[in-house]
């Protein structure tokens, strides 16, 4: 995770910065320890101006039904670190 990491949820709200994202994920996994993402397909394309853009399709699984179902994510990777993780509706 890059120091300037940004996480964007499916409603478009963002958490900015590595430290803030780590705190947010710790809170999320404390509340939902069995949550996981299952990836079915992962494709990546290098873009010289922004880094690698990775498109991921799959599903989320959790004992909380509202967190289960098909999902799509996009990651922007620069210099080996994830700069942006975006959950799509």
Protein backbone atom coordinates (compact mmCIF):
# COMPACT_ATOMS: atom_id res chain seq x y z
CA UNK A 1 0.00 0.00 0.00
CA UNK A 2 1.48 3.34 -1.03
CA UNK A 3 1.77 6.11 1.56
CA UNK A 4 -0.67 8.18 -0.52
CA UNK A 5 -3.09 5.24 -0.85
CA UNK A 6 -6.76 5.97 -1.45
CA UNK A 7 -9.63 3.54 -0.86
CA UNK A 8 -12.95 4.30 -2.56
CA UNK A 9 -16.09 2.38 -1.63
CA UNK A 10 -19.02 1.62 -3.91
CA UNK A 11 -20.86 4.77 -2.83
CA UNK A 12 -17.87 6.89 -3.89
CA UNK A 13 -16.67 7.78 -0.38
CA UNK A 14 -12.88 7.72 0.02
CA UNK A 15 -10.37 7.16 2.79
CA UNK A 16 -7.08 8.93 2.09
CA UNK A 17 -3.61 7.94 3.24
CA UNK A 18 -2.02 4.66 4.25
CA UNK A 19 -2.40 5.17 8.01
CA UNK A 20 -6.09 6.08 7.73
CA UNK A 21 -6.74 3.10 5.45
CA UNK A 22 -4.98 0.68 7.82
CA UNK A 23 -7.12 1.98 10.71
CA UNK A 24 -10.29 1.64 8.62
CA UNK A 25 -9.44 -1.92 7.53
CA UNK A 26 -8.59 -2.95 11.10
CA UNK A 27 -11.97 -1.70 12.26
CA UNK A 28 -13.74 -3.44 9.37
CA UNK A 29 -12.04 -6.79 9.98
CA UNK A 30 -12.63 -6.52 13.73
CA UNK A 31 -16.35 -6.23 12.91
CA UNK A 32 -16.36 -8.83 10.10
CA UNK A 33 -13.45 -11.25 10.68
CA UNK A 34 -14.72 -13.82 8.15
CA UNK A 35 -15.02 -11.33 5.27
CA UNK A 36 -13.05 -12.24 2.17
CA UNK A 37 -12.86 -11.49 -1.54
CA UNK A 38 -12.73 -14.29 -4.08
CA UNK A 39 -11.25 -13.27 -7.43
CA UNK A 40 -12.50 -14.94 -10.62
CA UNK A 41 -10.59 -12.85 -13.14
CA UNK A 42 -7.72 -10.39 -12.91
CA UNK A 43 -6.49 -8.35 -15.86
CA UNK A 44 -3.79 -5.70 -15.85
CA UNK A 45 -2.69 -3.05 -18.30
CA UNK A 46 0.29 -0.73 -17.99
CA UNK A 47 -0.38 2.94 -18.51
CA UNK A 48 2.75 5.06 -18.72
CA UNK A 49 1.15 8.11 -17.15
CA UNK A 50 -0.53 6.47 -14.12
CA UNK A 51 0.99 3.01 -13.60
CA UNK A 52 -0.68 -0.37 -13.91
CA UNK A 53 -4.47 -0.54 -13.83
CA UNK A 54 -5.77 -3.87 -12.56
CA UNK A 55 -9.42 -4.88 -13.10
CA UNK A 56 -10.73 -7.63 -10.83
CA UNK A 57 -14.05 -9.48 -10.94
CA UNK A 58 -15.31 -11.91 -8.34
CA UNK A 59 -17.42 -12.03 -5.22
CA UNK A 60 -17.31 -11.09 -1.57
CA UNK A 61 -18.13 -13.65 1.12
CA UNK A 62 -19.08 -13.02 4.74
CA UNK A 63 -21.47 -14.25 7.42
CA UNK A 64 -23.10 -10.79 7.11
CA UNK A 65 -25.47 -11.18 4.11
CA UNK A 66 -25.29 -7.51 3.16
CA UNK A 67 -21.56 -7.95 2.43
CA UNK A 68 -21.99 -10.99 0.16
CA UNK A 69 -22.34 -11.13 -3.59
CA UNK A 70 -20.77 -10.37 -6.93
CA UNK A 71 -18.14 -7.66 -6.89
CA UNK A 72 -15.77 -5.71 -9.08
CA UNK A 73 -12.65 -3.86 -8.03
CA UNK A 74 -10.03 -1.69 -9.71
CA UNK A 75 -6.51 -1.18 -8.38
CA UNK A 76 -3.98 1.38 -9.51
CA UNK A 77 -0.44 0.12 -8.90
CA UNK A 78 2.63 2.34 -9.09
CA UNK A 79 6.20 1.27 -8.26
CA UNK A 80 4.97 -2.03 -6.79
CA UNK A 81 2.46 -0.47 -4.37
CA UNK A 82 -1.31 -0.08 -4.55
CA UNK A 83 -2.09 3.62 -4.88
CA UNK A 84 -5.88 3.32 -5.24
CA UNK A 85 -8.31 0.49 -4.47
CA UNK A 86 -11.81 1.12 -5.82
CA UNK A 87 -14.86 -1.03 -5.10
CA UNK A 88 -17.48 -0.72 -7.86
CA UNK A 89 -21.23 -1.08 -7.45
